[in-house]
Amino acid sequence: MKPFRKKAKPGPEEKDMAFFNSAITVLHTLVIALGTGLGVWGVVNLLDGYGNDNPGAKSQGMKQLMAGYRNVVIYKRFSPKHH
């Protein structure tokens, strides 16, 4: 029979890392949400530009769509993998 061992309490380093990992997860979610929101806003402006035959709105919509797409793709490509 093995002796019963109590789990050691997490030290300050483990608590700091847990906080850091939590902060990274929140930032990850925010960056993805902002990129997605910018892309959706770009689609709305693009469709508005086509509906009203407004070249300025089409141009702005395409810029916003591409900026949102770029933000999501770049972040996904270069962000560390978290589980």
N, C-alpha and C. Protein backbone atom coordinates (compact mmCIF):
# COMPACT_ATOMS: atom_id res chain seq x y z
N MET A 1 0.84 -1.18 0.00
CA MET A 1 0.00 0.00 0.00
C MET A 1 0.89 1.25 0.00
N LYS A 2 0.55 2.18 -0.92
CA LYS A 2 1.35 3.39 -1.04
C LYS A 2 0.91 4.40 0.01
N PRO A 3 1.85 5.15 0.54
CA PRO A 3 1.46 6.18 1.52
C PRO A 3 0.71 7.31 0.82
N PHE A 4 -0.25 7.88 1.52
CA PHE A 4 -1.06 8.98 0.99
C PHE A 4 -0.24 10.26 1.07
N ARG A 5 -0.17 10.96 -0.07
CA ARG A 5 0.55 12.23 -0.09
C ARG A 5 -0.43 13.35 -0.38
N LYS A 6 -0.28 14.40 0.36
CA LYS A 6 -1.09 15.59 0.10
C LYS A 6 -0.49 16.36 -1.07
N LYS A 7 -1.36 16.94 -1.86
CA LYS A 7 -0.88 17.79 -2.94
C LYS A 7 -0.32 19.07 -2.34
N ALA A 8 0.79 19.51 -2.89
CA ALA A 8 1.38 20.76 -2.42
C ALA A 8 0.54 21.93 -2.92
N LYS A 9 0.45 22.95 -2.10
CA LYS A 9 -0.27 24.16 -2.53
C LYS A 9 0.52 24.84 -3.63
N PRO A 10 -0.20 25.39 -4.61
CA PRO A 10 0.53 26.08 -5.68
C PRO A 10 1.25 27.30 -5.14
N GLY A 11 2.46 27.47 -5.59
CA GLY A 11 3.25 28.61 -5.15
C GLY A 11 2.90 29.85 -5.95
N PRO A 12 3.57 30.95 -5.66
CA PRO A 12 3.27 32.20 -6.38
C PRO A 12 3.58 32.11 -7.88
N GLU A 13 4.57 31.29 -8.25
CA GLU A 13 4.89 31.17 -9.67
C GLU A 13 3.74 30.54 -10.44
N GLU A 14 3.14 29.50 -9.87
CA GLU A 14 2.03 28.83 -10.54
C GLU A 14 0.82 29.75 -10.65
N LYS A 15 0.58 30.54 -9.60
CA LYS A 15 -0.55 31.47 -9.63
C LYS A 15 -0.32 32.56 -10.68
N ASP A 16 0.93 33.03 -10.77
CA ASP A 16 1.25 34.06 -11.77
C ASP A 16 1.08 33.52 -13.18
N MET A 17 1.51 32.29 -13.40
CA MET A 17 1.37 31.70 -14.73
C MET A 17 -0.10 31.47 -15.08
N ALA A 18 -0.90 31.09 -14.10
CA ALA A 18 -2.32 30.90 -14.35
C ALA A 18 -2.97 32.22 -14.75
N PHE A 19 -2.59 33.29 -14.06
CA PHE A 19 -3.12 34.62 -14.40
C PHE A 19 -2.66 35.03 -15.80
N PHE A 20 -1.39 34.81 -16.11
CA PHE A 20 -0.84 35.15 -17.41
C PHE A 20 -1.56 34.37 -18.52
N ASN A 21 -1.75 33.08 -18.33
CA ASN A 21 -2.44 32.27 -19.33
C ASN A 21 -3.89 32.72 -19.51
N SER A 22 -4.53 33.11 -18.41
CA SER A 22 -5.89 33.62 -18.50
C SER A 22 -5.93 34.93 -19.29
N ALA A 23 -4.97 35.81 -19.03
CA ALA A 23 -4.91 37.08 -19.75
C ALA A 23 -4.67 36.86 -21.24
N ILE A 24 -3.81 35.93 -21.58
CA ILE A 24 -3.53 35.63 -22.99
C ILE A 24 -4.78 35.10 -23.68
N THR A 25 -5.53 34.25 -22.98
CA THR A 25 -6.77 33.71 -23.56
C THR A 25 -7.78 34.83 -23.83
N VAL A 26 -7.90 35.77 -22.89
CA VAL A 26 -8.83 36.89 -23.06
C VAL A 26 -8.38 37.76 -24.24
N LEU A 27 -7.08 38.05 -24.33
CA LEU A 27 -6.58 38.87 -25.45
C LEU A 27 -6.77 38.15 -26.78
N HIS A 28 -6.57 36.86 -26.79
CA HIS A 28 -6.80 36.07 -28.00
C HIS A 28 -8.24 36.22 -28.47
N THR A 29 -9.17 36.09 -27.54
CA THR A 29 -10.59 36.22 -27.87
C THR A 29 -10.92 37.62 -28.37
N LEU A 30 -10.35 38.64 -27.74
CA LEU A 30 -10.61 40.02 -28.15
C LEU A 30 -10.09 40.30 -29.56
N VAL A 31 -8.89 39.84 -29.86
CA VAL A 31 -8.31 40.10 -31.18
C VAL A 31 -9.13 39.42 -32.27
N ILE A 32 -9.53 38.17 -32.02
CA ILE A 32 -10.35 37.45 -33.01
C ILE A 32 -11.71 38.14 -33.18
N ALA A 33 -12.31 38.55 -32.05
CA ALA A 33 -13.62 39.21 -32.13
C ALA A 33 -13.52 40.55 -32.86
N LEU A 34 -12.48 41.33 -32.60
CA LEU A 34 -12.33 42.61 -33.29
C LEU A 34 -12.08 42.42 -34.78
N GLY A 35 -11.26 41.45 -35.13
CA GLY A 35 -11.02 41.18 -36.55
C GLY A 35 -12.28 40.72 -37.26
N THR A 36 -13.02 39.85 -36.60
CA THR A 36 -14.28 39.37 -37.19
C THR A 36 -15.29 40.51 -37.33
N GLY A 37 -15.40 41.33 -36.29
CA GLY A 37 -16.33 42.46 -36.35
C GLY A 37 -15.97 43.43 -37.45
N LEU A 38 -14.68 43.69 -37.63
CA LEU A 38 -14.24 44.58 -38.69
C LEU A 38 -14.56 43.99 -40.06
N GLY A 39 -14.39 42.69 -40.19
CA GLY A 39 -14.72 42.03 -41.46
C GLY A 39 -16.21 42.09 -41.76
N VAL A 40 -17.04 41.87 -40.76
CA VAL A 40 -18.50 41.94 -40.96
C VAL A 40 -18.91 43.36 -41.32
N TRP A 41 -18.34 44.34 -40.64
CA TRP A 41 -18.64 45.74 -40.95
C TRP A 41 -18.22 46.06 -42.39
N GLY A 42 -17.10 45.49 -42.83
CA GLY A 42 -16.66 45.69 -44.20
C GLY A 42 -17.64 45.11 -45.20
N VAL A 43 -18.17 43.92 -44.91
CA VAL A 43 -19.16 43.30 -45.80
C VAL A 43 -20.41 44.16 -45.89
N VAL A 44 -20.86 44.68 -44.75
CA VAL A 44 -22.05 45.55 -44.74
C VAL A 44 -21.80 46.79 -45.59
N ASN A 45 -20.65 47.43 -45.42
CA ASN A 45 -20.34 48.62 -46.23
C ASN A 45 -20.20 48.28 -47.70
N LEU A 46 -19.62 47.13 -47.98
CA LEU A 46 -19.47 46.70 -49.37
C LEU A 46 -20.83 46.49 -50.02
N LEU A 47 -21.72 45.80 -49.34
CA LEU A 47 -23.07 45.58 -49.89
C LEU A 47 -23.84 46.89 -50.00
N ASP A 48 -23.65 47.78 -49.05
CA ASP A 48 -24.30 49.08 -49.11
C ASP A 48 -23.79 49.86 -50.33
N GLY A 49 -22.50 49.77 -50.59
CA GLY A 49 -21.94 50.45 -51.75
C GLY A 49 -22.48 49.90 -53.06
N TYR A 50 -22.65 48.57 -53.14
CA TYR A 50 -23.23 47.99 -54.35
C TYR A 50 -24.71 48.34 -54.48
N GLY A 51 -25.42 48.38 -53.35
CA GLY A 51 -26.85 48.68 -53.40
C GLY A 51 -27.13 50.11 -53.82
N ASN A 52 -26.30 51.03 -53.37
CA ASN A 52 -26.52 52.45 -53.68
C ASN A 52 -25.64 52.94 -54.82
N ASP A 53 -24.90 52.04 -55.45
CA ASP A 53 -23.95 52.39 -56.52
C ASP A 53 -23.03 53.51 -56.06
N ASN A 54 -22.43 53.30 -54.89
CA ASN A 54 -21.54 54.29 -54.28
C ASN A 54 -20.12 53.72 -54.27
N PRO A 55 -19.25 54.21 -55.14
CA PRO A 55 -17.89 53.67 -55.20
C PRO A 55 -17.09 53.90 -53.92
N GLY A 56 -17.38 55.00 -53.22
CA GLY A 56 -16.67 55.28 -51.97
C GLY A 56 -16.98 54.25 -50.90
N ALA A 57 -18.24 53.87 -50.79
CA ALA A 57 -18.63 52.86 -49.80
C ALA A 57 -18.09 51.49 -50.17
N LYS A 58 -18.04 51.19 -51.47
CA LYS A 58 -17.47 49.91 -51.92
C LYS A 58 -15.99 49.83 -51.56
N SER A 59 -15.29 50.92 -51.79
CA SER A 59 -13.85 50.95 -51.49
C SER A 59 -13.61 50.80 -49.99
N GLN A 60 -14.36 51.56 -49.20
CA GLN A 60 -14.21 51.49 -47.74
C GLN A 60 -14.58 50.10 -47.23
N GLY A 61 -15.63 49.53 -47.76
CA GLY A 61 -16.04 48.19 -47.35
C GLY A 61 -14.99 47.14 -47.65
N MET A 62 -14.38 47.24 -48.82
CA MET A 62 -13.34 46.27 -49.18
C MET A 62 -12.12 46.44 -48.28
N LYS A 63 -11.77 47.67 -47.96
CA LYS A 63 -10.63 47.90 -47.05
C LYS A 63 -10.90 47.31 -45.68
N GLN A 64 -12.11 47.53 -45.15
CA GLN A 64 -12.45 47.00 -43.83
C GLN A 64 -12.49 45.48 -43.84
N LEU A 65 -13.06 44.91 -44.89
CA LEU A 65 -13.13 43.45 -45.00
C LEU A 65 -11.72 42.84 -45.02
N MET A 66 -10.85 43.42 -45.82
CA MET A 66 -9.49 42.89 -45.91
C MET A 66 -8.71 43.12 -44.61
N ALA A 67 -8.94 44.24 -43.93
CA ALA A 67 -8.26 44.50 -42.65
C ALA A 67 -8.71 43.49 -41.59
N GLY A 68 -9.99 43.22 -41.54
CA GLY A 68 -10.48 42.24 -40.57
C GLY A 68 -9.94 40.85 -40.86
N TYR A 69 -9.94 40.47 -42.13
CA TYR A 69 -9.42 39.17 -42.54
C TYR A 69 -7.94 39.07 -42.20
N ARG A 70 -7.20 40.13 -42.50
CA ARG A 70 -5.77 40.16 -42.22
C ARG A 70 -5.49 40.01 -40.73
N ASN A 71 -6.25 40.72 -39.88
CA ASN A 71 -6.04 40.63 -38.44
C ASN A 71 -6.22 39.20 -37.94
N VAL A 72 -7.27 38.56 -38.38
CA VAL A 72 -7.55 37.19 -37.91
C VAL A 72 -6.48 36.23 -38.42
N VAL A 73 -6.13 36.32 -39.69
CA VAL A 73 -5.16 35.39 -40.27
C VAL A 73 -3.78 35.57 -39.64
N ILE A 74 -3.33 36.81 -39.52
CA ILE A 74 -2.01 37.05 -38.94
C ILE A 74 -1.97 36.60 -37.49
N TYR A 75 -3.01 36.88 -36.73
CA TYR A 75 -3.00 36.47 -35.33
C TYR A 75 -3.01 34.95 -35.21
N LYS A 76 -3.83 34.29 -36.03
CA LYS A 76 -3.86 32.83 -35.99
C LYS A 76 -2.50 32.24 -36.38
N ARG A 77 -1.84 32.90 -37.32
CA ARG A 77 -0.56 32.37 -37.81
C ARG A 77 0.56 32.53 -36.78
N PHE A 78 0.61 33.65 -36.09
CA PHE A 78 1.74 33.94 -35.22
C PHE A 78 1.46 33.82 -33.73
N SER A 79 0.24 33.51 -33.35
CA SER A 79 -0.05 33.39 -31.92
C SER A 79 0.40 32.02 -31.41
N PRO A 80 0.82 31.97 -30.14
CA PRO A 80 1.20 30.68 -29.57
C PRO A 80 -0.02 29.80 -29.41
N LYS A 81 0.18 28.53 -29.48
CA LYS A 81 -0.93 27.58 -29.35
C LYS A 81 -1.24 27.37 -27.87
N HIS A 82 -2.50 27.64 -27.49
CA HIS A 82 -2.95 27.43 -26.12
C HIS A 82 -4.02 26.35 -26.11
N HIS A 83 -4.02 25.57 -25.05
CA HIS A 83 -5.02 24.50 -24.92
C HIS A 83 -6.04 24.89 -23.90
